[in-house]
């Protein structure tokens, strides 16, 4: 959080390949499905799976009941994930470089574009 109350920008975006560096799913990789800068959380495909009870509704095929226990991804804090370096396939921090007046994200260790 900044002093004026606005959330800090995140260096991880939707579509990035990340690896979990802390928590129960440490070492697992996946794609970022959704990024939420306001809460500093991301949803990673196949990581931090939870079981959720869903209410029965009658909107299924021909009025069939649908409901029960659904397994889905839960948000994980952005500090617990790291970008995967495209060159070494290891966790890497993201940085920025300016090329021709445009801001380009790069992986810190190798300097390759993300």
PDB file of N, CA and C in Angstrom:
ATOM      1  N   UNK A   1       0.842  -1.186   0.000  1.00  0.00           N
ATOM      2  CA  UNK A   1       0.000   0.000   0.000  1.00  0.00           C
ATOM      3  C   UNK A   1       0.885   1.247   0.000  1.00  0.00           C
ATOM      4  N   UNK A   2       0.492   2.192  -0.778  1.00  0.00           N
ATOM      5  CA  UNK A   2       1.214   3.459  -0.804  1.00  0.00           C
ATOM      6  C   UNK A   2       0.689   4.362   0.300  1.00  0.00           C
ATOM      7  N   UNK A   3       1.346   5.469   0.488  1.00  0.00           N
ATOM      8  CA  UNK A   3       0.918   6.402   1.534  1.00  0.00           C
ATOM      9  C   UNK A   3      -0.461   6.980   1.275  1.00  0.00           C
ATOM     10  N   UNK A   4      -0.799   7.144  -0.005  1.00  0.00           N
ATOM     11  CA  UNK A   4      -2.109   7.725  -0.331  1.00  0.00           C
ATOM     12  C   UNK A   4      -3.231   6.675  -0.342  1.00  0.00           C
ATOM     13  N   UNK A   5      -2.926   5.421   0.044  1.00  0.00           N
ATOM     14  CA  UNK A   5      -3.947   4.393   0.159  1.00  0.00           C
ATOM     15  C   UNK A   5      -4.167   3.565  -1.090  1.00  0.00           C
ATOM     16  N   UNK A   6      -3.517   3.929  -2.202  1.00  0.00           N
ATOM     17  CA  UNK A   6      -3.675   3.167  -3.435  1.00  0.00           C
ATOM     18  C   UNK A   6      -2.822   1.906  -3.372  1.00  0.00           C
ATOM     19  N   UNK A   7      -3.268   0.825  -4.011  1.00  0.00           N
ATOM     20  CA  UNK A   7      -2.459  -0.390  -3.997  1.00  0.00           C
ATOM     21  C   UNK A   7      -1.218  -0.231  -4.869  1.00  0.00           C
ATOM     22  N   UNK A   8      -0.179  -0.937  -4.495  1.00  0.00           N
ATOM     23  CA  UNK A   8       1.078  -0.919  -5.244  1.00  0.00           C
ATOM     24  C   UNK A   8       0.909  -1.747  -6.506  1.00  0.00           C
ATOM     25  N   UNK A   9       1.560  -1.372  -7.580  1.00  0.00           N
ATOM     26  CA  UNK A   9       1.478  -2.114  -8.833  1.00  0.00           C
ATOM     27  C   UNK A   9       2.168  -3.468  -8.712  1.00  0.00           C
ATOM     28  N   UNK A  10       1.689  -4.445  -9.457  1.00  0.00           N
ATOM     29  CA  UNK A  10       2.277  -5.780  -9.423  1.00  0.00           C
ATOM     30  C   UNK A  10       3.084  -6.024 -10.691  1.00  0.00           C
ATOM     31  N   UNK A  11       4.172  -6.790 -10.567  1.00  0.00           N
ATOM     32  CA  UNK A  11       4.998  -7.107 -11.718  1.00  0.00           C
ATOM     33  C   UNK A  11       4.600  -8.423 -12.359  1.00  0.00           C
ATOM     34  N   UNK A  12       3.591  -9.077 -11.792  1.00  0.00           N
ATOM     35  CA  UNK A  12       3.083 -10.326 -12.357  1.00  0.00           C
ATOM     36  C   UNK A  12       1.707 -10.049 -12.944  1.00  0.00           C
ATOM     37  N   UNK A  13       1.506 -10.532 -14.174  1.00  0.00           N
ATOM     38  CA  UNK A  13       0.276 -10.237 -14.889  1.00  0.00           C
ATOM     39  C   UNK A  13      -0.424 -11.519 -15.329  1.00  0.00           C
ATOM     40  N   UNK A  14      -1.629 -11.361 -15.815  1.00  0.00           N
ATOM     41  CA  UNK A  14      -2.394 -12.483 -16.345  1.00  0.00           C
ATOM     42  C   UNK A  14      -1.642 -13.090 -17.532  1.00  0.00           C
ATOM     43  N   UNK A  15      -1.562 -14.416 -17.550  1.00  0.00           N
ATOM     44  CA  UNK A  15      -0.891 -15.106 -18.652  1.00  0.00           C
ATOM     45  C   UNK A  15       0.561 -15.433 -18.388  1.00  0.00           C
ATOM     46  N   UNK A  16       1.127 -14.938 -17.290  1.00  0.00           N
ATOM     47  CA  UNK A  16       2.528 -15.228 -16.957  1.00  0.00           C
ATOM     48  C   UNK A  16       2.664 -16.647 -16.424  1.00  0.00           C
ATOM     49  N   UNK A  17       3.799 -17.277 -16.702  1.00  0.00           N
ATOM     50  CA  UNK A  17       4.118 -18.577 -16.113  1.00  0.00           C
ATOM     51  C   UNK A  17       4.894 -18.302 -14.837  1.00  0.00           C
ATOM     52  N   UNK A  18       4.348 -18.809 -13.715  1.00  0.00           N
ATOM     53  CA  UNK A  18       4.953 -18.552 -12.413  1.00  0.00           C
ATOM     54  C   UNK A  18       5.203 -19.859 -11.674  1.00  0.00           C
ATOM     55  N   UNK A  19       6.067 -19.780 -10.652  1.00  0.00           N
ATOM     56  CA  UNK A  19       6.344 -20.906  -9.773  1.00  0.00           C
ATOM     57  C   UNK A  19       6.074 -20.448  -8.345  1.00  0.00           C
ATOM     58  N   UNK A  20       5.498 -21.338  -7.532  1.00  0.00           N
ATOM     59  CA  UNK A  20       5.195 -21.013  -6.139  1.00  0.00           C
ATOM     60  C   UNK A  20       6.478 -21.178  -5.320  1.00  0.00           C
ATOM     61  N   UNK A  21       6.849 -20.125  -4.575  1.00  0.00           N
ATOM     62  CA  UNK A  21       8.092 -20.157  -3.810  1.00  0.00           C
ATOM     63  C   UNK A  21       7.855 -20.249  -2.313  1.00  0.00           C
ATOM     64  N   UNK A  22       6.590 -20.230  -1.872  1.00  0.00           N
ATOM     65  CA  UNK A  22       6.273 -20.359  -0.447  1.00  0.00           C
ATOM     66  C   UNK A  22       4.867 -20.910  -0.296  1.00  0.00           C
ATOM     67  N   UNK A  23       4.642 -21.647   0.798  1.00  0.00           N
ATOM     68  CA  UNK A  23       3.315 -22.177   1.079  1.00  0.00           C
ATOM     69  C   UNK A  23       3.227 -23.669   0.834  1.00  0.00           C
ATOM     70  N   UNK A  24       2.011 -24.175   0.884  1.00  0.00           N
ATOM     71  CA  UNK A  24       1.820 -25.628   0.788  1.00  0.00           C
ATOM     72  C   UNK A  24       2.090 -26.182  -0.608  1.00  0.00           C
ATOM     73  N   UNK A  25       1.999 -25.367  -1.626  1.00  0.00           N
ATOM     74  CA  UNK A  25       2.220 -25.815  -3.007  1.00  0.00           C
ATOM     75  C   UNK A  25       3.583 -25.405  -3.540  1.00  0.00           C
ATOM     76  N   UNK A  26       4.580 -25.313  -2.676  1.00  0.00           N
ATOM     77  CA  UNK A  26       5.912 -24.844  -3.061  1.00  0.00           C
ATOM     78  C   UNK A  26       6.485 -25.711  -4.181  1.00  0.00           C
ATOM     79  N   UNK A  27       7.023 -25.052  -5.195  1.00  0.00           N
ATOM     80  CA  UNK A  27       7.631 -25.749  -6.316  1.00  0.00           C
ATOM     81  C   UNK A  27       6.708 -26.003  -7.489  1.00  0.00           C
ATOM     82  N   UNK A  28       5.412 -25.787  -7.319  1.00  0.00           N
ATOM     83  CA  UNK A  28       4.469 -26.046  -8.406  1.00  0.00           C
ATOM     84  C   UNK A  28       4.422 -24.866  -9.367  1.00  0.00           C
ATOM     85  N   UNK A  29       4.276 -25.172 -10.645  1.00  0.00           N
ATOM     86  CA  UNK A  29       4.223 -24.148 -11.690  1.00  0.00           C
ATOM     87  C   UNK A  29       2.831 -24.069 -12.282  1.00  0.00           C
ATOM     88  N   UNK A  30       2.517 -22.918 -12.858  1.00  0.00           N
ATOM     89  CA  UNK A  30       1.246 -22.756 -13.535  1.00  0.00           C
ATOM     90  C   UNK A  30       1.120 -21.384 -14.164  1.00  0.00           C
ATOM     91  N   UNK A  31       0.054 -21.203 -14.923  1.00  0.00           N
ATOM     92  CA  UNK A  31      -0.225 -19.922 -15.569  1.00  0.00           C
ATOM     93  C   UNK A  31      -1.133 -19.085 -14.691  1.00  0.00           C
ATOM     94  N   UNK A  32      -0.913 -17.790 -14.693  1.00  0.00           N
ATOM     95  CA  UNK A  32      -1.756 -16.877 -13.928  1.00  0.00           C
ATOM     96  C   UNK A  32      -3.073 -16.710 -14.686  1.00  0.00           C
ATOM     97  N   UNK A  33      -4.168 -17.095 -14.024  1.00  0.00           N
ATOM     98  CA  UNK A  33      -5.503 -16.982 -14.620  1.00  0.00           C
ATOM     99  C   UNK A  33      -6.049 -15.578 -14.418  1.00  0.00           C
ATOM    100  N   UNK A  34      -5.842 -15.048 -13.194  1.00  0.00           N
ATOM    101  CA  UNK A  34      -6.353 -13.713 -12.866  1.00  0.00           C
ATOM    102  C   UNK A  34      -5.396 -13.030 -11.911  1.00  0.00           C
ATOM    103  N   UNK A  35      -5.200 -11.739 -12.086  1.00  0.00           N
ATOM    104  CA  UNK A  35      -4.367 -10.940 -11.190  1.00  0.00           C
ATOM    105  C   UNK A  35      -5.218  -9.804 -10.634  1.00  0.00           C
ATOM    106  N   UNK A  36      -5.139  -9.586  -9.309  1.00  0.00           N
ATOM    107  CA  UNK A  36      -5.921  -8.552  -8.653  1.00  0.00           C
ATOM    108  C   UNK A  36      -4.980  -7.602  -7.904  1.00  0.00           C
ATOM    109  N   UNK A  37      -4.609  -6.491  -8.514  1.00  0.00           N
ATOM    110  CA  UNK A  37      -3.673  -5.558  -7.871  1.00  0.00           C
ATOM    111  C   UNK A  37      -4.220  -4.936  -6.589  1.00  0.00           C
ATOM    112  N   UNK A  38      -5.531  -4.800  -6.471  1.00  0.00           N
ATOM    113  CA  UNK A  38      -6.109  -4.168  -5.284  1.00  0.00           C
ATOM    114  C   UNK A  38      -5.841  -4.977  -4.026  1.00  0.00           C
ATOM    115  N   UNK A  39      -5.887  -6.304  -4.135  1.00  0.00           N
ATOM    116  CA  UNK A  39      -5.646  -7.158  -2.972  1.00  0.00           C
ATOM    117  C   UNK A  39      -4.273  -7.823  -3.018  1.00  0.00           C
ATOM    118  N   UNK A  40      -3.489  -7.542  -4.066  1.00  0.00           N
ATOM    119  CA  UNK A  40      -2.147  -8.108  -4.242  1.00  0.00           C
ATOM    120  C   UNK A  40      -2.186  -9.635  -4.319  1.00  0.00           C
ATOM    121  N   UNK A  41      -3.193 -10.178  -5.008  1.00  0.00           N
ATOM    122  CA  UNK A  41      -3.327 -11.635  -5.107  1.00  0.00           C
ATOM    123  C   UNK A  41      -3.471 -12.071  -6.559  1.00  0.00           C
ATOM    124  N   UNK A  42      -3.058 -13.311  -6.814  1.00  0.00           N
ATOM    125  CA  UNK A  42      -3.183 -13.901  -8.139  1.00  0.00           C
ATOM    126  C   UNK A  42      -3.815 -15.283  -8.010  1.00  0.00           C
ATOM    127  N   UNK A  43      -4.480 -15.724  -9.073  1.00  0.00           N
ATOM    128  CA  UNK A  43      -5.007 -17.082  -9.130  1.00  0.00           C
ATOM    129  C   UNK A  43      -4.182 -17.817 -10.176  1.00  0.00           C
ATOM    130  N   UNK A  44      -3.544 -18.916  -9.737  1.00  0.00           N
ATOM    131  CA  UNK A  44      -2.656 -19.687 -10.605  1.00  0.00           C
ATOM    132  C   UNK A  44      -3.325 -21.021 -10.917  1.00  0.00           C
ATOM    133  N   UNK A  45      -3.263 -21.407 -12.185  1.00  0.00           N
ATOM    134  CA  UNK A  45      -3.921 -22.621 -12.640  1.00  0.00           C
ATOM    135  C   UNK A  45      -3.328 -23.852 -11.960  1.00  0.00           C
ATOM    136  N   UNK A  46      -4.183 -24.616 -11.264  1.00  0.00           N
ATOM    137  CA  UNK A  46      -3.771 -25.859 -10.622  1.00  0.00           C
ATOM    138  C   UNK A  46      -3.052 -25.704  -9.302  1.00  0.00           C
ATOM    139  N   UNK A  47      -3.005 -24.494  -8.747  1.00  0.00           N
ATOM    140  CA  UNK A  47      -2.289 -24.234  -7.498  1.00  0.00           C
ATOM    141  C   UNK A  47      -3.274 -23.723  -6.448  1.00  0.00           C
ATOM    142  N   UNK A  48      -3.067 -24.109  -5.178  1.00  0.00           N
ATOM    143  CA  UNK A  48      -3.899 -23.693  -4.059  1.00  0.00           C
ATOM    144  C   UNK A  48      -5.356 -24.109  -4.274  1.00  0.00           C
ATOM    145  N   UNK A  49      -5.537 -25.396  -4.575  1.00  0.00           N
ATOM    146  CA  UNK A  49      -6.872 -25.927  -4.855  1.00  0.00           C
ATOM    147  C   UNK A  49      -7.663 -26.073  -3.548  1.00  0.00           C
ATOM    148  N   UNK A  50      -8.937 -25.659  -3.614  1.00  0.00           N
ATOM    149  CA  UNK A  50      -9.834 -25.792  -2.469  1.00  0.00           C
ATOM    150  C   UNK A  50     -11.113 -26.483  -2.927  1.00  0.00           C
ATOM    151  N   UNK A  51     -11.824 -27.051  -1.967  1.00  0.00           N
ATOM    152  CA  UNK A  51     -13.132 -27.639  -2.255  1.00  0.00           C
ATOM    153  C   UNK A  51     -14.188 -26.656  -1.777  1.00  0.00           C
ATOM    154  N   UNK A  52     -15.146 -26.364  -2.655  1.00  0.00           N
ATOM    155  CA  UNK A  52     -16.173 -25.387  -2.337  1.00  0.00           C
ATOM    156  C   UNK A  52     -17.546 -26.024  -2.516  1.00  0.00           C
ATOM    157  N   UNK A  53     -18.413 -25.831  -1.524  1.00  0.00           N
ATOM    158  CA  UNK A  53     -19.776 -26.341  -1.631  1.00  0.00           C
ATOM    159  C   UNK A  53     -20.614 -25.351  -2.424  1.00  0.00           C
ATOM    160  N   UNK A  54     -21.225 -25.828  -3.501  1.00  0.00           N
ATOM    161  CA  UNK A  54     -22.073 -24.965  -4.316  1.00  0.00           C
ATOM    162  C   UNK A  54     -23.536 -25.332  -4.093  1.00  0.00           C
ATOM    163  N   UNK A  55     -24.369 -24.335  -4.135  1.00  0.00           N
ATOM    164  CA  UNK A  55     -25.803 -24.506  -3.903  1.00  0.00           C
ATOM    165  C   UNK A  55     -26.442 -25.171  -5.121  1.00  0.00           C
ATOM    166  N   UNK A  56     -27.463 -25.953  -4.883  1.00  0.00           N
ATOM    167  CA  UNK A  56     -28.168 -26.623  -5.972  1.00  0.00           C
ATOM    168  C   UNK A  56     -29.009 -25.592  -6.719  1.00  0.00           C
ATOM    169  N   UNK A  57     -28.834 -25.549  -8.026  1.00  0.00           N
ATOM    170  CA  UNK A  57     -29.705 -24.714  -8.856  1.00  0.00           C
ATOM    171  C   UNK A  57     -30.300 -25.589  -9.953  1.00  0.00           C
ATOM    172  N   UNK A  58     -31.366 -25.144 -10.522  1.00  0.00           N
ATOM    173  CA  UNK A  58     -32.087 -25.959 -11.498  1.00  0.00           C
ATOM    174  C   UNK A  58     -31.863 -25.450 -12.916  1.00  0.00           C
ATOM    175  N   UNK A  59     -30.660 -24.984 -13.204  1.00  0.00           N
ATOM    176  CA  UNK A  59     -30.364 -24.419 -14.513  1.00  0.00           C
ATOM    177  C   UNK A  59     -29.620 -25.401 -15.415  1.00  0.00           C
ATOM    178  N   UNK A  60     -29.519 -26.645 -15.015  1.00  0.00           N
ATOM    179  CA  UNK A  60     -28.825 -27.647 -15.810  1.00  0.00           C
ATOM    180  C   UNK A  60     -29.613 -28.036 -17.043  1.00  0.00           C
ATOM    181  N   UNK A  61     -29.145 -29.075 -17.724  1.00  0.00           N
ATOM    182  CA  UNK A  61     -29.829 -29.518 -18.935  1.00  0.00           C
ATOM    183  C   UNK A  61     -31.196 -30.091 -18.583  1.00  0.00           C
ATOM    184  N   UNK A  62     -32.219 -29.591 -19.184  1.00  0.00           N
ATOM    185  CA  UNK A  62     -33.626 -29.999 -18.987  1.00  0.00           C
ATOM    186  C   UNK A  62     -34.046 -29.918 -17.520  1.00  0.00           C
ATOM    187  N   UNK A  63     -33.590 -28.885 -16.834  1.00  0.00           N
ATOM    188  CA  UNK A  63     -34.022 -28.652 -15.465  1.00  0.00           C
ATOM    189  C   UNK A  63     -33.383 -29.565 -14.442  1.00  0.00           C
ATOM    190  N   UNK A  64     -32.230 -30.142 -14.778  1.00  0.00           N
ATOM    191  CA  UNK A  64     -31.559 -31.057 -13.855  1.00  0.00           C
ATOM    192  C   UNK A  64     -30.934 -30.275 -12.702  1.00  0.00           C
ATOM    193  N   UNK A  65     -30.823 -30.921 -11.552  1.00  0.00           N
ATOM    194  CA  UNK A  65     -30.191 -30.296 -10.390  1.00  0.00           C
ATOM    195  C   UNK A  65     -28.682 -30.332 -10.566  1.00  0.00           C
ATOM    196  N   UNK A  66     -28.043 -29.200 -10.300  1.00  0.00           N
ATOM    197  CA  UNK A  66     -26.588 -29.138 -10.334  1.00  0.00           C
ATOM    198  C   UNK A  66     -26.107 -28.481  -9.057  1.00  0.00           C
ATOM    199  N   UNK A  67     -25.167 -29.102  -8.421  1.00  0.00           N
ATOM    200  CA  UNK A  67     -24.632 -28.577  -7.176  1.00  0.00           C
ATOM    201  C   UNK A  67     -23.736 -29.611  -6.548  1.00  0.00           C
ATOM    202  N   UNK A  68     -23.217 -29.297  -5.399  1.00  0.00           N
ATOM    203  CA  UNK A  68     -22.345 -30.234  -4.705  1.00  0.00           C
ATOM    204  C   UNK A  68     -20.997 -29.627  -4.416  1.00  0.00           C
ATOM    205  N   UNK A  69     -19.983 -30.482  -4.357  1.00  0.00           N
ATOM    206  CA  UNK A  69     -18.633 -30.034  -4.017  1.00  0.00           C
ATOM    207  C   UNK A  69     -17.837 -29.813  -5.292  1.00  0.00           C
ATOM    208  N   UNK A  70     -17.309 -28.607  -5.443  1.00  0.00           N
ATOM    209  CA  UNK A  70     -16.529 -28.220  -6.614  1.00  0.00           C
ATOM    210  C   UNK A  70     -15.097 -27.932  -6.168  1.00  0.00           C
ATOM    211  N   UNK A  71     -14.117 -28.404  -6.938  1.00  0.00           N
ATOM    212  CA  UNK A  71     -12.713 -28.104  -6.654  1.00  0.00           C
ATOM    213  C   UNK A  71     -12.288 -26.964  -7.562  1.00  0.00           C
ATOM    214  N   UNK A  72     -11.718 -25.907  -6.967  1.00  0.00           N
ATOM    215  CA  UNK A  72     -11.291 -24.753  -7.752  1.00  0.00           C
ATOM    216  C   UNK A  72     -10.069 -24.103  -7.123  1.00  0.00           C
ATOM    217  N   UNK A  73      -9.448 -23.197  -7.880  1.00  0.00           N
ATOM    218  CA  UNK A  73      -8.264 -22.486  -7.408  1.00  0.00           C
ATOM    219  C   UNK A  73      -8.669 -21.340  -6.499  1.00  0.00           C
ATOM    220  N   UNK A  74      -7.875 -21.130  -5.449  1.00  0.00           N
ATOM    221  CA  UNK A  74      -8.075 -19.995  -4.549  1.00  0.00           C
ATOM    222  C   UNK A  74      -6.949 -18.999  -4.784  1.00  0.00           C
ATOM    223  N   UNK A  75      -7.178 -17.723  -4.469  1.00  0.00           N
ATOM    224  CA  UNK A  75      -6.116 -16.720  -4.660  1.00  0.00           C
ATOM    225  C   UNK A  75      -4.921 -16.988  -3.762  1.00  0.00           C
ATOM    226  N   UNK A  76      -3.754 -16.610  -4.257  1.00  0.00           N
ATOM    227  CA  UNK A  76      -2.501 -16.737  -3.508  1.00  0.00           C
ATOM    228  C   UNK A  76      -1.804 -15.376  -3.566  1.00  0.00           C
ATOM    229  N   UNK A  77      -1.124 -15.005  -2.498  1.00  0.00           N
ATOM    230  CA  UNK A  77      -0.492 -13.689  -2.454  1.00  0.00           C
ATOM    231  C   UNK A  77       0.647 -13.623  -3.463  1.00  0.00           C
ATOM    232  N   UNK A  78       0.798 -12.461  -4.069  1.00  0.00           N
ATOM    233  CA  UNK A  78       1.781 -12.286  -5.136  1.00  0.00           C
ATOM    234  C   UNK A  78       3.218 -12.451  -4.632  1.00  0.00           C
ATOM    235  N   UNK A  79       3.448 -12.266  -3.332  1.00  0.00           N
ATOM    236  CA  UNK A  79       4.796 -12.434  -2.790  1.00  0.00           C
ATOM    237  C   UNK A  79       5.191 -13.905  -2.691  1.00  0.00           C
ATOM    238  N   UNK A  80       4.222 -14.808  -2.813  1.00  0.00           N
ATOM    239  CA  UNK A  80       4.505 -16.239  -2.728  1.00  0.00           C
ATOM    240  C   UNK A  80       4.730 -16.892  -4.081  1.00  0.00           C
ATOM    241  N   UNK A  81       4.728 -16.098  -5.152  1.00  0.00           N
ATOM    242  CA  UNK A  81       5.003 -16.622  -6.485  1.00  0.00           C
ATOM    243  C   UNK A  81       6.116 -15.807  -7.132  1.00  0.00           C
ATOM    244  N   UNK A  82       6.809 -16.439  -8.087  1.00  0.00           N
ATOM    245  CA  UNK A  82       7.869 -15.756  -8.830  1.00  0.00           C
ATOM    246  C   UNK A  82       7.747 -16.136 -10.301  1.00  0.00           C
ATOM    247  N   UNK A  83       8.119 -15.217 -11.168  1.00  0.00           N
ATOM    248  CA  UNK A  83       8.126 -15.496 -12.598  1.00  0.00           C
ATOM    249  C   UNK A  83       9.113 -16.608 -12.903  1.00  0.00           C
ATOM    250  N   UNK A  84       8.832 -17.371 -13.964  1.00  0.00           N
ATOM    251  CA  UNK A  84       9.770 -18.386 -14.426  1.00  0.00           C
ATOM    252  C   UNK A  84      10.616 -17.748 -15.517  1.00  0.00           C
ATOM    253  N   UNK A  85      11.935 -17.791 -15.330  1.00  0.00           N
ATOM    254  CA  UNK A  85      12.869 -17.237 -16.315  1.00  0.00           C
ATOM    255  C   UNK A  85      12.758 -18.050 -17.603  1.00  0.00           C
ATOM    256  N   UNK A  86      12.497 -17.409 -18.758  1.00  0.00           N
ATOM    257  CA  UNK A  86      12.334 -18.164 -20.004  1.00  0.00           C
ATOM    258  C   UNK A  86      13.606 -18.901 -20.435  1.00  0.00           C
ATOM    259  N   UNK A  87      14.762 -18.453 -19.980  1.00  0.00           N
ATOM    260  CA  UNK A  87      16.027 -19.079 -20.390  1.00  0.00           C
ATOM    261  C   UNK A  87      16.419 -20.245 -19.495  1.00  0.00           C
ATOM    262  N   UNK A  88      16.410 -20.025 -18.162  1.00  0.00           N
ATOM    263  CA  UNK A  88      16.895 -21.042 -17.226  1.00  0.00           C
ATOM    264  C   UNK A  88      15.784 -21.871 -16.595  1.00  0.00           C
ATOM    265  N   UNK A  89      14.530 -21.490 -16.778  1.00  0.00           N
ATOM    266  CA  UNK A  89      13.364 -22.168 -16.192  1.00  0.00           C
ATOM    267  C   UNK A  89      13.395 -22.178 -14.664  1.00  0.00           C
ATOM    268  N   UNK A  90      14.062 -21.196 -14.060  1.00  0.00           N
ATOM    269  CA  UNK A  90      14.136 -21.057 -12.612  1.00  0.00           C
ATOM    270  C   UNK A  90      13.372 -19.812 -12.178  1.00  0.00           C
ATOM    271  N   UNK A  91      13.017 -19.702 -10.880  1.00  0.00           N
ATOM    272  CA  UNK A  91      12.332 -18.495 -10.410  1.00  0.00           C
ATOM    273  C   UNK A  91      13.204 -17.258 -10.607  1.00  0.00           C
ATOM    274  N   UNK A  92      12.571 -16.170 -11.020  1.00  0.00           N
ATOM    275  CA  UNK A  92      13.296 -14.932 -11.279  1.00  0.00           C
ATOM    276  C   UNK A  92      12.436 -13.736 -10.915  1.00  0.00           C
ATOM    277  N   UNK A  93      13.099 -12.659 -10.536  1.00  0.00           N
ATOM    278  CA  UNK A  93      12.373 -11.415 -10.299  1.00  0.00           C
ATOM    279  C   UNK A  93      12.180 -10.711 -11.632  1.00  0.00           C
ATOM    280  N   UNK A  94      11.168  -9.863 -11.689  1.00  0.00           N
ATOM    281  CA  UNK A  94      10.892  -9.106 -12.904  1.00  0.00           C
ATOM    282  C   UNK A  94      11.436  -7.698 -12.745  1.00  0.00           C
ATOM    283  N   UNK A  95      11.964  -7.167 -13.832  1.00  0.00           N
ATOM    284  CA  UNK A  95      12.439  -5.799 -13.850  1.00  0.00           C
ATOM    285  C   UNK A  95      11.918  -5.121 -15.102  1.00  0.00           C
ATOM    286  N   UNK A  96      12.298  -3.872 -15.272  1.00  0.00           N
ATOM    287  CA  UNK A  96      11.851  -3.121 -16.440  1.00  0.00           C
ATOM    288  C   UNK A  96      13.035  -2.517 -17.153  1.00  0.00           C
ATOM    289  N   UNK A  97      12.883  -2.365 -18.470  1.00  0.00           N
ATOM    290  CA  UNK A  97      13.886  -1.703 -19.298  1.00  0.00           C
ATOM    291  C   UNK A  97      13.124  -0.859 -20.315  1.00  0.00           C
ATOM    292  N   UNK A  98      13.680   0.260 -20.668  1.00  0.00           N
ATOM    293  CA  UNK A  98      13.043   1.136 -21.643  1.00  0.00           C
ATOM    294  C   UNK A  98      13.723   0.967 -22.996  1.00  0.00           C
ATOM    295  N   UNK A  99      12.917   0.619 -23.999  1.00  0.00           N
ATOM    296  CA  UNK A  99      13.427   0.489 -25.362  1.00  0.00           C
ATOM    297  C   UNK A  99      12.576   1.353 -26.283  1.00  0.00           C
ATOM    298  N   UNK A 100      13.189   2.302 -26.918  1.00  0.00           N
ATOM    299  CA  UNK A 100      12.497   3.211 -27.847  1.00  0.00           C
ATOM    300  C   UNK A 100      11.299   3.883 -27.193  1.00  0.00           C
ATOM    301  N   UNK A 101      11.443   4.267 -25.930  1.00  0.00           N
ATOM    302  CA  UNK A 101      10.379   4.949 -25.211  1.00  0.00           C
ATOM    303  C   UNK A 101       9.287   4.039 -24.694  1.00  0.00           C
ATOM    304  N   UNK A 102       9.455   2.729 -24.841  1.00  0.00           N
ATOM    305  CA  UNK A 102       8.462   1.771 -24.341  1.00  0.00           C
ATOM    306  C   UNK A 102       9.046   0.998 -23.171  1.00  0.00           C
ATOM    307  N   UNK A 103       8.178   0.685 -22.204  1.00  0.00           N
ATOM    308  CA  UNK A 103       8.579  -0.052 -21.012  1.00  0.00           C
ATOM    309  C   UNK A 103       8.442  -1.550 -21.299  1.00  0.00           C
ATOM    310  N   UNK A 104       9.542  -2.281 -21.134  1.00  0.00           N
ATOM    311  CA  UNK A 104       9.560  -3.712 -21.432  1.00  0.00           C
ATOM    312  C   UNK A 104       9.913  -4.474 -20.158  1.00  0.00           C
ATOM    313  N   UNK A 105       9.133  -5.524 -19.846  1.00  0.00           N
ATOM    314  CA  UNK A 105       9.454  -6.346 -18.681  1.00  0.00           C
ATOM    315  C   UNK A 105      10.540  -7.339 -19.029  1.00  0.00           C
ATOM    316  N   UNK A 106      11.500  -7.497 -18.122  1.00  0.00           N
ATOM    317  CA  UNK A 106      12.597  -8.443 -18.339  1.00  0.00           C
ATOM    318  C   UNK A 106      12.789  -9.289 -17.088  1.00  0.00           C
ATOM    319  N   UNK A 107      13.354 -10.478 -17.272  1.00  0.00           N
ATOM    320  CA  UNK A 107      13.727 -11.322 -16.138  1.00  0.00           C
ATOM    321  C   UNK A 107      15.082 -10.835 -15.649  1.00  0.00           C
ATOM    322  N   UNK A 108      15.222 -10.613 -14.355  1.00  0.00           N
ATOM    323  CA  UNK A 108      16.427 -10.013 -13.802  1.00  0.00           C
ATOM    324  C   UNK A 108      17.712 -10.812 -14.039  1.00  0.00           C
ATOM    325  N   UNK A 109      17.750 -12.118 -13.744  1.00  0.00           N
ATOM    326  CA  UNK A 109      19.023 -12.822 -13.880  1.00  0.00           C
ATOM    327  C   UNK A 109      19.564 -12.868 -15.302  1.00  0.00           C
ATOM    328  N   UNK A 110      18.685 -13.178 -16.282  1.00  0.00           N
ATOM    329  CA  UNK A 110      19.158 -13.349 -17.651  1.00  0.00           C
ATOM    330  C   UNK A 110      19.033 -12.081 -18.500  1.00  0.00           C
ATOM    331  N   UNK A 111      18.119 -11.193 -18.126  1.00  0.00           N
ATOM    332  CA  UNK A 111      17.903  -9.980 -18.924  1.00  0.00           C
ATOM    333  C   UNK A 111      17.032 -10.211 -20.137  1.00  0.00           C
ATOM    334  N   UNK A 112      16.466 -11.401 -20.277  1.00  0.00           N
ATOM    335  CA  UNK A 112      15.609 -11.714 -21.426  1.00  0.00           C
ATOM    336  C   UNK A 112      14.209 -11.136 -21.216  1.00  0.00           C
ATOM    337  N   UNK A 113      13.550 -10.780 -22.321  1.00  0.00           N
ATOM    338  CA  UNK A 113      12.192 -10.242 -22.244  1.00  0.00           C
ATOM    339  C   UNK A 113      11.230 -11.320 -21.769  1.00  0.00           C
ATOM    340  N   UNK A 114      10.243 -10.896 -20.962  1.00  0.00           N
ATOM    341  CA  UNK A 114       9.244 -11.833 -20.453  1.00  0.00           C
ATOM    342  C   UNK A 114       8.005 -11.757 -21.323  1.00  0.00           C
TER     343      UNK A 114
END
